[in-house]
Amino acid sequence: MNNSAISERLMSLYGGCGYTRYRVNKFEEYELYSRNREFLPSKQILTFTDTDGRLMALKPDVTLSIVRNSRDGEDARLFYSESVFRTDRGRGVFAEVPQIGLEYIGRADPYRVSEVLTLAGMSLDLISEENVLDVSHPGILSLTAARLGLDFAGRSALTGYFGSKSAGGALSLCGDRESEELVKALLGMSSDPDKALPLLGSLSDGAEWDAVVYELRRAVTAVPDRDLRIDLSVVNDADYYNGVVFRGYVKGSPSAVLSGGQYDNLMKKNGKNNSAAGFAVYLDRIDAADEGDAPALDLLILYDDMTDPAAVCRRLREAASAGLRVSAERELPDGQEYSAICDMRKKHG
């Protein structure tokens, strides 16, 4: 399925579930992104000076624009299909990246968080039948860092080590045997929710830990019967995210094609009192997963040097006007699927 078809299906899903399309300008004041730089996947921001002297930025993120324009006390369920401007992962230069996403902003509502997670899973199903959703909670590592007696730098280091799955690095932060046992248990934890959640519960040291595990359990049980894993390497910044966080993967793409979570802390950082949760689908990464797979054709036209070009064009136009996916080729292309063939090549005696 191509990029356009995926976007249409995702927008139809979100619109059908009560979400309204949100449109944003291509640029915002630079200050918005500068103040929230750590929230951005790419820390580089493309800027320019407006005619009135303000420093502006081509938007590297849509969520921040939605947050900025939200109103306290009002519930909003929104989705968007926009381009953001970020450095290309492969070449290191700025690129226009297509993105589609969904946001809930409003009152603290456990159901809405579960709904967002449910729609994230349904989005993955629309992209590919072979997918997995990894779920975590930043509170687990934040509370672990507190139990280890780590300062801000130590907490950041612990988060980074879990994110990169560096057992040696995480264990190097432990100062005693009890800390080592805690970290080893978390590192060796099964990704199966039926095993991971009871283990996390057994590691409790009080009400705060219990509350985090409860939030994680509540979110996971809201999306049954799907390929879901508990994975503490999903480490969205706790300064911005306060609840469940998640990433979605599909077969063929080495990177997450979907990422999101509950970000009440981002709202507070920007002077807002609402709760919020959402996710983004990275369409460029889906393209990478599908690279090399030509979309199936309804009709394949074959021609050669003796075929009348006007006749080929006429057949192509007729098929396209009828809404068919059609292509004219000199020979059968490798790996191309098609439902019907129109062979207009001249026969040589």
C-alpha atoms as a PDB file:
ATOM      1  CA  MET A   1       0.000   0.000   0.000  1.00  0.00           C
ATOM      2  CA  ASN A   2       1.396   3.393  -0.955  1.00  0.00           C
ATOM      3  CA  ASN A   3       1.817   6.455   1.233  1.00  0.00           C
ATOM      4  CA  SER A   4      -1.304   8.229  -0.041  1.00  0.00           C
ATOM      5  CA  ALA A   5      -3.553   5.226   0.494  1.00  0.00           C
ATOM      6  CA  ILE A   6      -2.255   4.779   4.054  1.00  0.00           C
ATOM      7  CA  SER A   7      -2.918   8.446   4.846  1.00  0.00           C
ATOM      8  CA  GLU A   8      -6.472   8.224   3.526  1.00  0.00           C
ATOM      9  CA  ARG A   9      -7.230   5.105   5.545  1.00  0.00           C
ATOM     10  CA  LEU A  10      -5.743   6.569   8.733  1.00  0.00           C
ATOM     11  CA  MET A  11      -7.641   9.848   8.373  1.00  0.00           C
ATOM     12  CA  SER A  12     -10.850   7.914   7.733  1.00  0.00           C
ATOM     13  CA  LEU A  13     -10.229   5.906  10.913  1.00  0.00           C
ATOM     14  CA  TYR A  14      -9.631   8.979  13.057  1.00  0.00           C
ATOM     15  CA  GLY A  15     -12.503  10.967  11.578  1.00  0.00           C
ATOM     16  CA  GLY A  16     -14.825   8.017  12.081  1.00  0.00           C
ATOM     17  CA  CYS A  17     -13.900   7.901  15.774  1.00  0.00           C
ATOM     18  CA  GLY A  18     -14.863  11.513  16.451  1.00  0.00           C
ATOM     19  CA  TYR A  19     -11.577  13.300  15.793  1.00  0.00           C
ATOM     20  CA  THR A  20     -11.548  16.546  13.795  1.00  0.00           C
ATOM     21  CA  ARG A  21      -8.894  17.498  11.261  1.00  0.00           C
ATOM     22  CA  TYR A  22      -6.500  20.215  12.426  1.00  0.00           C
ATOM     23  CA  ARG A  23      -4.463  22.355  10.048  1.00  0.00           C
ATOM     24  CA  VAL A  24      -1.406  24.407  10.991  1.00  0.00           C
ATOM     25  CA  ASN A  25       0.837  26.967   9.301  1.00  0.00           C
ATOM     26  CA  LYS A  26       4.114  25.793   7.883  1.00  0.00           C
ATOM     27  CA  PHE A  27       6.017  27.926  10.385  1.00  0.00           C
ATOM     28  CA  GLU A  28       5.821  29.211  13.968  1.00  0.00           C
ATOM     29  CA  GLU A  29       7.910  31.531  16.090  1.00  0.00           C
ATOM     30  CA  TYR A  30      11.281  29.950  16.797  1.00  0.00           C
ATOM     31  CA  GLU A  31      10.881  30.518  20.543  1.00  0.00           C
ATOM     32  CA  LEU A  32       8.208  27.787  20.793  1.00  0.00           C
ATOM     33  CA  TYR A  33      10.578  25.127  19.484  1.00  0.00           C
ATOM     34  CA  SER A  34      13.658  26.494  21.197  1.00  0.00           C
ATOM     35  CA  ARG A  35      11.924  26.305  24.590  1.00  0.00           C
ATOM     36  CA  ASN A  36      10.905  22.691  23.941  1.00  0.00           C
ATOM     37  CA  ARG A  37      13.956  21.528  21.985  1.00  0.00           C
ATOM     38  CA  GLU A  38      14.399  18.346  24.027  1.00  0.00           C
ATOM     39  CA  PHE A  39      10.871  17.261  23.065  1.00  0.00           C
ATOM     40  CA  LEU A  40      11.761  17.290  19.367  1.00  0.00           C
ATOM     41  CA  PRO A  41      13.045  14.151  17.607  1.00  0.00           C
ATOM     42  CA  SER A  42      15.514  16.347  15.687  1.00  0.00           C
ATOM     43  CA  LYS A  43      17.272  19.089  17.652  1.00  0.00           C
ATOM     44  CA  GLN A  44      18.170  21.095  14.542  1.00  0.00           C
ATOM     45  CA  ILE A  45      15.593  23.706  13.546  1.00  0.00           C
ATOM     46  CA  LEU A  46      15.410  25.487  10.194  1.00  0.00           C
ATOM     47  CA  THR A  47      14.920  29.222  10.876  1.00  0.00           C
ATOM     48  CA  PHE A  48      14.441  32.481   8.990  1.00  0.00           C
ATOM     49  CA  THR A  49      13.753  36.125   9.895  1.00  0.00           C
ATOM     50  CA  ASP A  50      10.248  37.380   9.087  1.00  0.00           C
ATOM     51  CA  THR A  51       9.624  40.807   7.542  1.00  0.00           C
ATOM     52  CA  ASP A  52       8.683  42.172  10.981  1.00  0.00           C
ATOM     53  CA  GLY A  53      12.000  41.054  12.485  1.00  0.00           C
ATOM     54  CA  ARG A  54      10.720  37.975  14.324  1.00  0.00           C
ATOM     55  CA  LEU A  55      12.800  34.797  14.187  1.00  0.00           C
ATOM     56  CA  MET A  56      10.588  32.092  12.678  1.00  0.00           C
ATOM     57  CA  ALA A  57      11.012  28.367  12.140  1.00  0.00           C
ATOM     58  CA  LEU A  58       9.694  25.940   9.561  1.00  0.00           C
ATOM     59  CA  LYS A  59       7.788  23.650  11.881  1.00  0.00           C
ATOM     60  CA  PRO A  60       9.716  20.529  12.970  1.00  0.00           C
ATOM     61  CA  ASP A  61       6.724  19.268  14.967  1.00  0.00           C
ATOM     62  CA  VAL A  62       2.910  19.537  14.921  1.00  0.00           C
ATOM     63  CA  THR A  63       2.111  18.629  18.539  1.00  0.00           C
ATOM     64  CA  LEU A  64       3.740  21.791  19.886  1.00  0.00           C
ATOM     65  CA  SER A  65       1.590  23.934  17.600  1.00  0.00           C
ATOM     66  CA  ILE A  66      -1.542  22.164  18.836  1.00  0.00           C
ATOM     67  CA  VAL A  67      -0.456  22.597  22.454  1.00  0.00           C
ATOM     68  CA  ARG A  68       0.208  26.287  21.950  1.00  0.00           C
ATOM     69  CA  ASN A  69      -3.251  26.905  20.494  1.00  0.00           C
ATOM     70  CA  SER A  70      -5.195  24.734  22.963  1.00  0.00           C
ATOM     71  CA  ARG A  71      -7.492  26.275  25.571  1.00  0.00           C
ATOM     72  CA  ASP A  72      -7.655  25.234  29.200  1.00  0.00           C
ATOM     73  CA  GLY A  73     -10.872  23.510  30.198  1.00  0.00           C
ATOM     74  CA  GLU A  74     -11.827  22.541  26.656  1.00  0.00           C
ATOM     75  CA  ASP A  75     -11.675  18.993  25.299  1.00  0.00           C
ATOM     76  CA  ALA A  76     -10.274  18.587  21.799  1.00  0.00           C
ATOM     77  CA  ARG A  77      -9.857  15.432  19.743  1.00  0.00           C
ATOM     78  CA  LEU A  78      -7.800  16.252  16.689  1.00  0.00           C
ATOM     79  CA  PHE A  79      -5.904  14.595  13.864  1.00  0.00           C
ATOM     80  CA  TYR A  80      -3.595  16.082  11.275  1.00  0.00           C
ATOM     81  CA  SER A  81      -1.826  15.277   8.041  1.00  0.00           C
ATOM     82  CA  GLU A  82       1.051  17.696   7.625  1.00  0.00           C
ATOM     83  CA  SER A  83       4.666  18.003   6.573  1.00  0.00           C
ATOM     84  CA  VAL A  84       7.357  18.758   9.129  1.00  0.00           C
ATOM     85  CA  PHE A  85      10.895  19.901   8.401  1.00  0.00           C
ATOM     86  CA  ARG A  86      13.708  17.888   9.968  1.00  0.00           C
ATOM     87  CA  THR A  87      17.176  16.663   9.179  1.00  0.00           C
ATOM     88  CA  ASP A  88      17.158  13.601   6.976  1.00  0.00           C
ATOM     89  CA  ARG A  89      18.261  10.575   9.016  1.00  0.00           C
ATOM     90  CA  GLY A  90      20.489   9.242   6.274  1.00  0.00           C
ATOM     91  CA  ARG A  91      22.039  12.361   4.687  1.00  0.00           C
ATOM     92  CA  GLY A  92      21.970  14.809   7.591  1.00  0.00           C
ATOM     93  CA  VAL A  93      20.333  17.580   5.515  1.00  0.00           C
ATOM     94  CA  PHE A  94      16.925  19.188   6.029  1.00  0.00           C
ATOM     95  CA  ALA A  95      13.998  17.422   4.393  1.00  0.00           C
ATOM     96  CA  GLU A  96      10.234  17.805   4.221  1.00  0.00           C
ATOM     97  CA  VAL A  97       8.789  14.802   6.054  1.00  0.00           C
ATOM     98  CA  PRO A  98       5.111  13.769   5.699  1.00  0.00           C
ATOM     99  CA  GLN A  99       3.464  12.943   9.006  1.00  0.00           C
ATOM    100  CA  ILE A 100      -0.003  12.060  10.201  1.00  0.00           C
ATOM    101  CA  GLY A 101      -1.026  12.047  13.829  1.00  0.00           C
ATOM    102  CA  LEU A 102      -3.704  12.221  16.472  1.00  0.00           C
ATOM    103  CA  GLU A 103      -4.016  14.217  19.710  1.00  0.00           C
ATOM    104  CA  TYR A 104      -6.406  14.289  22.644  1.00  0.00           C
ATOM    105  CA  ILE A 105      -6.200  17.435  24.805  1.00  0.00           C
ATOM    106  CA  GLY A 106      -8.590  18.045  27.686  1.00  0.00           C
ATOM    107  CA  ARG A 107      -9.499  16.795  31.124  1.00  0.00           C
ATOM    108  CA  ALA A 108      -7.478  13.999  32.740  1.00  0.00           C
ATOM    109  CA  ASP A 109      -9.423  10.982  31.499  1.00  0.00           C
ATOM    110  CA  PRO A 110      -8.042   7.419  31.719  1.00  0.00           C
ATOM    111  CA  TYR A 111     -10.416   6.304  28.977  1.00  0.00           C
ATOM    112  CA  ARG A 112      -9.072   8.866  26.494  1.00  0.00           C
ATOM    113  CA  VAL A 113      -5.501   7.663  27.089  1.00  0.00           C
ATOM    114  CA  SER A 114      -6.618   4.084  26.477  1.00  0.00           C
ATOM    115  CA  GLU A 115      -8.493   5.248  23.364  1.00  0.00           C
ATOM    116  CA  VAL A 116      -5.349   6.881  21.978  1.00  0.00           C
ATOM    117  CA  LEU A 117      -3.382   3.686  22.587  1.00  0.00           C
ATOM    118  CA  THR A 118      -6.151   1.630  20.977  1.00  0.00           C
ATOM    119  CA  LEU A 119      -6.129   3.853  17.878  1.00  0.00           C
ATOM    120  CA  ALA A 120      -2.339   3.573  17.730  1.00  0.00           C
ATOM    121  CA  GLY A 121      -2.712  -0.193  17.539  1.00  0.00           C
ATOM    122  CA  MET A 122      -5.448   0.077  14.915  1.00  0.00           C
ATOM    123  CA  SER A 123      -3.214   2.426  12.908  1.00  0.00           C
ATOM    124  CA  LEU A 124      -0.474  -0.184  12.845  1.00  0.00           C
ATOM    125  CA  ASP A 125      -2.992  -2.784  11.659  1.00  0.00           C
ATOM    126  CA  LEU A 126      -3.945  -0.521   8.740  1.00  0.00           C
ATOM    127  CA  ILE A 127      -0.288  -0.081   7.786  1.00  0.00           C
ATOM    128  CA  SER A 128       0.719  -3.745   7.983  1.00  0.00           C
ATOM    129  CA  GLU A 129      -0.684  -6.999   9.338  1.00  0.00           C
ATOM    130  CA  GLU A 130       2.760  -7.755  10.745  1.00  0.00           C
ATOM    131  CA  ASN A 131       3.295  -5.203  13.503  1.00  0.00           C
ATOM    132  CA  VAL A 132       4.085  -4.856  17.188  1.00  0.00           C
ATOM    133  CA  LEU A 133       3.337  -2.162  19.758  1.00  0.00           C
ATOM    134  CA  ASP A 134       5.914  -1.569  22.513  1.00  0.00           C
ATOM    135  CA  VAL A 135       4.602   0.114  25.671  1.00  0.00           C
ATOM    136  CA  SER A 136       6.336   1.554  28.740  1.00  0.00           C
ATOM    137  CA  HIS A 137       5.996   4.233  31.435  1.00  0.00           C
ATOM    138  CA  PRO A 138       8.721   6.834  32.191  1.00  0.00           C
ATOM    139  CA  GLY A 139       7.779   6.713  35.860  1.00  0.00           C
ATOM    140  CA  ILE A 140       9.398   3.292  36.215  1.00  0.00           C
ATOM    141  CA  LEU A 141      12.872   4.562  35.400  1.00  0.00           C
ATOM    142  CA  SER A 142      12.346   7.868  37.230  1.00  0.00           C
ATOM    143  CA  LEU A 143      11.427   6.022  40.440  1.00  0.00           C
ATOM    144  CA  THR A 144      14.248   3.533  39.863  1.00  0.00           C
ATOM    145  CA  ALA A 145      16.698   6.451  39.621  1.00  0.00           C
ATOM    146  CA  ALA A 146      15.338   7.833  42.900  1.00  0.00           C
ATOM    147  CA  ARG A 147      15.799   4.460  44.607  1.00  0.00           C
ATOM    148  CA  LEU A 148      19.373   4.391  43.330  1.00  0.00           C
ATOM    149  CA  GLY A 149      19.933   7.881  44.765  1.00  0.00           C
ATOM    150  CA  LEU A 150      20.853   9.352  41.376  1.00  0.00           C
ATOM    151  CA  ASP A 151      20.920  13.064  40.610  1.00  0.00           C
ATOM    152  CA  PHE A 152      19.570  14.632  37.397  1.00  0.00           C
ATOM    153  CA  ALA A 153      22.638  13.602  35.385  1.00  0.00           C
ATOM    154  CA  GLY A 154      22.456  10.086  36.781  1.00  0.00           C
ATOM    155  CA  ARG A 155      18.777   9.819  35.941  1.00  0.00           C
ATOM    156  CA  SER A 156      19.484  10.892  32.364  1.00  0.00           C
ATOM    157  CA  ALA A 157      22.307   8.347  32.162  1.00  0.00           C
ATOM    158  CA  LEU A 158      20.066   5.553  33.456  1.00  0.00           C
ATOM    159  CA  THR A 159      17.388   6.445  30.918  1.00  0.00           C
ATOM    160  CA  GLY A 160      19.954   6.457  28.133  1.00  0.00           C
ATOM    161  CA  TYR A 161      21.374   3.070  29.138  1.00  0.00           C
ATOM    162  CA  PHE A 162      17.923   1.477  29.190  1.00  0.00           C
ATOM    163  CA  GLY A 163      17.120   3.132  25.874  1.00  0.00           C
ATOM    164  CA  SER A 164      20.203   1.591  24.279  1.00  0.00           C
ATOM    165  CA  LYS A 165      19.772  -1.655  26.257  1.00  0.00           C
ATOM    166  CA  SER A 166      23.234  -1.298  27.803  1.00  0.00           C
ATOM    167  CA  ALA A 167      23.171  -3.578  30.842  1.00  0.00           C
ATOM    168  CA  GLY A 168      26.758  -2.770  31.770  1.00  0.00           C
ATOM    169  CA  GLY A 169      26.106   0.962  31.713  1.00  0.00           C
ATOM    170  CA  ALA A 170      22.945   0.694  33.823  1.00  0.00           C
ATOM    171  CA  LEU A 171      24.624  -1.560  36.394  1.00  0.00           C
ATOM    172  CA  SER A 172      27.586   0.830  36.660  1.00  0.00           C
ATOM    173  CA  LEU A 173      25.217   3.343  38.288  1.00  0.00           C
ATOM    174  CA  CYS A 174      24.353   0.978  41.140  1.00  0.00           C
ATOM    175  CA  GLY A 175      25.998   1.630  44.494  1.00  0.00           C
ATOM    176  CA  ASP A 176      24.961  -1.485  46.396  1.00  0.00           C
ATOM    177  CA  ARG A 177      23.667  -5.027  45.993  1.00  0.00           C
ATOM    178  CA  GLU A 178      20.023  -4.042  46.458  1.00  0.00           C
ATOM    179  CA  SER A 179      20.278  -1.518  43.614  1.00  0.00           C
ATOM    180  CA  GLU A 180      21.967  -4.083  41.386  1.00  0.00           C
ATOM    181  CA  GLU A 181      19.191  -6.623  42.022  1.00  0.00           C
ATOM    182  CA  LEU A 182      16.537  -4.060  41.131  1.00  0.00           C
ATOM    183  CA  VAL A 183      18.257  -3.034  37.897  1.00  0.00           C
ATOM    184  CA  LYS A 184      18.982  -6.650  36.924  1.00  0.00           C
ATOM    185  CA  ALA A 185      15.326  -7.546  37.422  1.00  0.00           C
ATOM    186  CA  LEU A 186      14.201  -4.712  35.172  1.00  0.00           C
ATOM    187  CA  LEU A 187      16.808  -5.495  32.513  1.00  0.00           C
ATOM    188  CA  GLY A 188      15.892  -9.185  32.467  1.00  0.00           C
ATOM    189  CA  MET A 189      12.144  -8.619  32.523  1.00  0.00           C
ATOM    190  CA  SER A 190      10.052 -10.494  29.968  1.00  0.00           C
ATOM    191  CA  SER A 191       8.298  -8.396  27.344  1.00  0.00           C
ATOM    192  CA  ASP A 192       5.152 -10.512  27.768  1.00  0.00           C
ATOM    193  CA  PRO A 193       2.647  -8.318  29.681  1.00  0.00           C
ATOM    194  CA  ASP A 194       1.339 -11.363  31.574  1.00  0.00           C
ATOM    195  CA  LYS A 195       4.821 -11.842  33.015  1.00  0.00           C
ATOM    196  CA  ALA A 196       6.156  -8.284  33.069  1.00  0.00           C
ATOM    197  CA  LEU A 197       3.308  -6.660  34.990  1.00  0.00           C
ATOM    198  CA  PRO A 198       3.384  -9.114  37.930  1.00  0.00           C
ATOM    199  CA  LEU A 199       7.182  -8.698  38.115  1.00  0.00           C
ATOM    200  CA  LEU A 200       6.893  -4.920  38.174  1.00  0.00           C
ATOM    201  CA  GLY A 201       4.293  -5.215  40.905  1.00  0.00           C
ATOM    202  CA  SER A 202       6.612  -7.399  42.993  1.00  0.00           C
ATOM    203  CA  LEU A 203       9.355  -4.740  42.822  1.00  0.00           C
ATOM    204  CA  SER A 204       7.202  -2.130  44.547  1.00  0.00           C
ATOM    205  CA  ASP A 205       8.614   0.045  47.310  1.00  0.00           C
ATOM    206  CA  GLY A 206       5.483   2.100  47.919  1.00  0.00           C
ATOM    207  CA  ALA A 207       2.438   3.939  46.617  1.00  0.00           C
ATOM    208  CA  GLU A 208       4.191   5.882  43.835  1.00  0.00           C
ATOM    209  CA  TRP A 209       5.554   2.713  42.234  1.00  0.00           C
ATOM    210  CA  ASP A 210       2.177   0.999  42.603  1.00  0.00           C
ATOM    211  CA  ALA A 211       0.439   3.926  40.879  1.00  0.00           C
ATOM    212  CA  VAL A 212       2.793   3.772  37.882  1.00  0.00           C
ATOM    213  CA  VAL A 213       2.362   0.001  37.490  1.00  0.00           C
ATOM    214  CA  TYR A 214      -1.409   0.440  37.773  1.00  0.00           C
ATOM    215  CA  GLU A 215      -1.416   3.040  34.966  1.00  0.00           C
ATOM    216  CA  LEU A 216       0.654   0.754  32.768  1.00  0.00           C
ATOM    217  CA  ARG A 217      -1.574  -2.252  33.496  1.00  0.00           C
ATOM    218  CA  ARG A 218      -4.733  -0.252  32.810  1.00  0.00           C
ATOM    219  CA  ALA A 219      -3.397   0.897  29.434  1.00  0.00           C
ATOM    220  CA  VAL A 220      -2.216  -2.558  28.367  1.00  0.00           C
ATOM    221  CA  THR A 221      -5.457  -4.314  29.293  1.00  0.00           C
ATOM    222  CA  ALA A 222      -7.361  -1.757  27.194  1.00  0.00           C
ATOM    223  CA  VAL A 223      -5.849  -3.177  23.993  1.00  0.00           C
ATOM    224  CA  PRO A 224      -6.217  -6.969  24.261  1.00  0.00           C
ATOM    225  CA  ASP A 225      -5.729  -9.503  21.505  1.00  0.00           C
ATOM    226  CA  ARG A 226      -2.839  -7.787  19.758  1.00  0.00           C
ATOM    227  CA  ASP A 227       0.949  -8.160  19.557  1.00  0.00           C
ATOM    228  CA  LEU A 228       1.972  -5.891  22.438  1.00  0.00           C
ATOM    229  CA  ARG A 229       5.181  -5.866  24.467  1.00  0.00           C
ATOM    230  CA  ILE A 230       6.319  -4.180  27.680  1.00  0.00           C
ATOM    231  CA  ASP A 231       9.658  -2.618  26.764  1.00  0.00           C
ATOM    232  CA  LEU A 232      11.533  -0.267  29.105  1.00  0.00           C
ATOM    233  CA  SER A 233      13.777   0.852  26.230  1.00  0.00           C
ATOM    234  CA  VAL A 234      10.860   3.081  25.141  1.00  0.00           C
ATOM    235  CA  VAL A 235      12.212   6.045  27.078  1.00  0.00           C
ATOM    236  CA  ASN A 236      10.442   9.251  26.057  1.00  0.00           C
ATOM    237  CA  ASP A 237      11.669  12.162  28.204  1.00  0.00           C
ATOM    238  CA  ALA A 238       9.987  12.179  31.642  1.00  0.00           C
ATOM    239  CA  ASP A 239      10.226  15.984  31.692  1.00  0.00           C
ATOM    240  CA  TYR A 240       7.553  15.952  28.967  1.00  0.00           C
ATOM    241  CA  TYR A 241       5.795  12.598  29.314  1.00  0.00           C
ATOM    242  CA  ASN A 242       4.077  11.511  32.526  1.00  0.00           C
ATOM    243  CA  GLY A 243       2.069   8.426  31.539  1.00  0.00           C
ATOM    244  CA  VAL A 244       2.224   5.516  29.141  1.00  0.00           C
ATOM    245  CA  VAL A 245       4.567   5.892  26.177  1.00  0.00           C
ATOM    246  CA  PHE A 246       4.691   3.639  23.151  1.00  0.00           C
ATOM    247  CA  ARG A 247       6.268   2.899  19.790  1.00  0.00           C
ATOM    248  CA  GLY A 248       4.931   0.913  16.854  1.00  0.00           C
ATOM    249  CA  TYR A 249       6.920  -1.186  14.402  1.00  0.00           C
ATOM    250  CA  VAL A 250       6.022  -2.926  11.143  1.00  0.00           C
ATOM    251  CA  LYS A 251       7.862  -5.608   9.231  1.00  0.00           C
ATOM    252  CA  GLY A 252      10.477  -4.204   6.868  1.00  0.00           C
ATOM    253  CA  SER A 253      11.259  -1.003   8.766  1.00  0.00           C
ATOM    254  CA  PRO A 254      14.160  -0.972  11.274  1.00  0.00           C
ATOM    255  CA  SER A 255      12.817   2.181  12.967  1.00  0.00           C
ATOM    256  CA  ALA A 256       9.543   2.863  14.732  1.00  0.00           C
ATOM    257  CA  VAL A 257       6.843   4.039  12.301  1.00  0.00           C
ATOM    258  CA  LEU A 258       4.647   5.313  15.150  1.00  0.00           C
ATOM    259  CA  SER A 259       5.486   6.980  18.448  1.00  0.00           C
ATOM    260  CA  GLY A 260       3.520   8.693  21.193  1.00  0.00           C
ATOM    261  CA  GLY A 261       2.301   8.801  24.763  1.00  0.00           C
ATOM    262  CA  GLN A 262       0.698  10.883  27.482  1.00  0.00           C
ATOM    263  CA  TYR A 263       2.375  14.294  27.760  1.00  0.00           C
ATOM    264  CA  ASP A 264       0.743  16.279  30.571  1.00  0.00           C
ATOM    265  CA  ASN A 265       4.189  17.557  31.579  1.00  0.00           C
ATOM    266  CA  LEU A 266       4.642  19.187  28.168  1.00  0.00           C
ATOM    267  CA  MET A 267       1.323  20.964  28.688  1.00  0.00           C
ATOM    268  CA  LYS A 268       2.449  22.285  32.092  1.00  0.00           C
ATOM    269  CA  LYS A 269       5.782  23.401  30.672  1.00  0.00           C
ATOM    270  CA  ASN A 270       3.850  25.543  28.190  1.00  0.00           C
ATOM    271  CA  GLY A 271       1.503  27.036  30.791  1.00  0.00           C
ATOM    272  CA  LYS A 272      -1.456  24.745  30.067  1.00  0.00           C
ATOM    273  CA  ASN A 273      -3.499  22.858  32.658  1.00  0.00           C
ATOM    274  CA  ASN A 274      -5.044  20.233  30.403  1.00  0.00           C
ATOM    275  CA  SER A 275      -4.054  16.606  30.117  1.00  0.00           C
ATOM    276  CA  ALA A 276      -2.901  15.334  26.714  1.00  0.00           C
ATOM    277  CA  ALA A 277      -2.035  12.166  24.815  1.00  0.00           C
ATOM    278  CA  GLY A 278      -1.324  11.419  21.184  1.00  0.00           C
ATOM    279  CA  PHE A 279       0.954   9.881  18.604  1.00  0.00           C
ATOM    280  CA  ALA A 280       2.507  10.497  15.208  1.00  0.00           C
ATOM    281  CA  VAL A 281       2.849   8.149  12.237  1.00  0.00           C
ATOM    282  CA  TYR A 282       6.088   8.668  10.279  1.00  0.00           C
ATOM    283  CA  LEU A 283       5.097   8.105   6.673  1.00  0.00           C
ATOM    284  CA  ASP A 284       8.671   8.360   5.374  1.00  0.00           C
ATOM    285  CA  ARG A 285       9.614   5.308   7.424  1.00  0.00           C
ATOM    286  CA  ILE A 286       6.692   3.384   5.988  1.00  0.00           C
ATOM    287  CA  ASP A 287       7.991   4.272   2.531  1.00  0.00           C
ATOM    288  CA  ALA A 288      11.330   2.776   3.524  1.00  0.00           C
ATOM    289  CA  ALA A 289       9.620  -0.429   4.629  1.00  0.00           C
ATOM    290  CA  ASP A 290       7.790  -0.685   1.305  1.00  0.00           C
ATOM    291  CA  GLU A 291      10.750   0.304  -0.871  1.00  0.00           C
ATOM    292  CA  GLY A 292      11.123  -1.965  -3.880  1.00  0.00           C
ATOM    293  CA  ASP A 293       7.558  -3.273  -3.713  1.00  0.00           C
ATOM    294  CA  ALA A 294       5.662  -1.811  -6.665  1.00  0.00           C
ATOM    295  CA  PRO A 295       1.935  -1.305  -6.036  1.00  0.00           C
ATOM    296  CA  ALA A 296      -0.315  -3.899  -7.664  1.00  0.00           C
ATOM    297  CA  LEU A 297      -1.768  -2.892 -11.039  1.00  0.00           C
ATOM    298  CA  ASP A 298      -5.278  -3.420 -12.287  1.00  0.00           C
ATOM    299  CA  LEU A 299      -4.007  -3.441 -15.862  1.00  0.00           C
ATOM    300  CA  LEU A 300      -0.589  -3.909 -17.422  1.00  0.00           C
ATOM    301  CA  ILE A 301      -0.190  -2.772 -21.048  1.00  0.00           C
ATOM    302  CA  LEU A 302       2.649  -4.252 -23.103  1.00  0.00           C
ATOM    303  CA  TYR A 303       3.963  -2.551 -26.243  1.00  0.00           C
ATOM    304  CA  ASP A 304       6.991  -2.654 -28.564  1.00  0.00           C
ATOM    305  CA  ASP A 305       8.587  -0.515 -31.300  1.00  0.00           C
ATOM    306  CA  MET A 306       5.917  -1.533 -33.815  1.00  0.00           C
ATOM    307  CA  THR A 307       2.954  -0.604 -31.574  1.00  0.00           C
ATOM    308  CA  ASP A 308       1.074   2.587 -32.439  1.00  0.00           C
ATOM    309  CA  PRO A 309       1.873   5.085 -29.612  1.00  0.00           C
ATOM    310  CA  ALA A 310      -1.530   6.713 -30.048  1.00  0.00           C
ATOM    311  CA  ALA A 311      -3.267   3.378 -29.468  1.00  0.00           C
ATOM    312  CA  VAL A 312      -1.263   2.781 -26.275  1.00  0.00           C
ATOM    313  CA  CYS A 313      -2.072   6.282 -25.000  1.00  0.00           C
ATOM    314  CA  ARG A 314      -5.739   5.775 -25.794  1.00  0.00           C
ATOM    315  CA  ARG A 315      -5.842   2.473 -23.851  1.00  0.00           C
ATOM    316  CA  LEU A 316      -3.933   4.036 -20.959  1.00  0.00           C
ATOM    317  CA  ARG A 317      -6.325   6.989 -20.821  1.00  0.00           C
ATOM    318  CA  GLU A 318      -9.400   4.755 -20.905  1.00  0.00           C
ATOM    319  CA  ALA A 319      -8.140   2.634 -18.022  1.00  0.00           C
ATOM    320  CA  ALA A 320      -7.061   5.594 -15.900  1.00  0.00           C
ATOM    321  CA  SER A 321     -10.382   7.385 -16.527  1.00  0.00           C
ATOM    322  CA  ALA A 322     -12.153   4.281 -15.251  1.00  0.00           C
ATOM    323  CA  GLY A 323     -10.217   4.543 -11.985  1.00  0.00           C
ATOM    324  CA  LEU A 324      -7.857   1.656 -12.688  1.00  0.00           C
ATOM    325  CA  ARG A 325      -4.222   1.512 -11.651  1.00  0.00           C
ATOM    326  CA  VAL A 326      -2.459   1.066 -15.008  1.00  0.00           C
ATOM    327  CA  SER A 327       1.043   1.108 -16.454  1.00  0.00           C
ATOM    328  CA  ALA A 328       2.466   0.626 -19.954  1.00  0.00           C
ATOM    329  CA  GLU A 329       5.719  -1.348 -20.199  1.00  0.00           C
ATOM    330  CA  ARG A 330       7.911  -2.802 -22.947  1.00  0.00           C
ATOM    331  CA  GLU A 331       8.181  -6.142 -21.131  1.00  0.00           C
ATOM    332  CA  LEU A 332       6.892  -7.913 -18.048  1.00  0.00           C
ATOM    333  CA  PRO A 333       8.504  -6.153 -15.066  1.00  0.00           C
ATOM    334  CA  ASP A 334      10.067  -8.260 -12.307  1.00  0.00           C
ATOM    335  CA  GLY A 335       8.093  -8.374  -9.078  1.00  0.00           C
ATOM    336  CA  GLN A 336       5.127  -6.456 -10.476  1.00  0.00           C
ATOM    337  CA  GLU A 337       1.677  -7.775  -9.590  1.00  0.00           C
ATOM    338  CA  TYR A 338      -1.270  -7.126 -11.925  1.00  0.00           C
ATOM    339  CA  SER A 339      -4.847  -8.311 -12.337  1.00  0.00           C
ATOM    340  CA  ALA A 340      -5.096  -8.136 -16.138  1.00  0.00           C
ATOM    341  CA  ILE A 341      -2.784  -7.691 -19.115  1.00  0.00           C
ATOM    342  CA  CYS A 342      -3.297  -5.982 -22.460  1.00  0.00           C
ATOM    343  CA  ASP A 343      -0.618  -7.160 -24.911  1.00  0.00           C
ATOM    344  CA  MET A 344      -0.398  -4.627 -27.765  1.00  0.00           C
ATOM    345  CA  ARG A 345       2.941  -5.866 -29.104  1.00  0.00           C
ATOM    346  CA  LYS A 346       3.079  -6.688 -32.834  1.00  0.00           C
ATOM    347  CA  LYS A 347       3.733 -10.306 -33.699  1.00  0.00           C
ATOM    348  CA  HIS A 348       6.744 -10.960 -35.894  1.00  0.00           C
ATOM    349  CA  GLY A 349       6.628 -13.757 -38.388  1.00  0.00           C
END
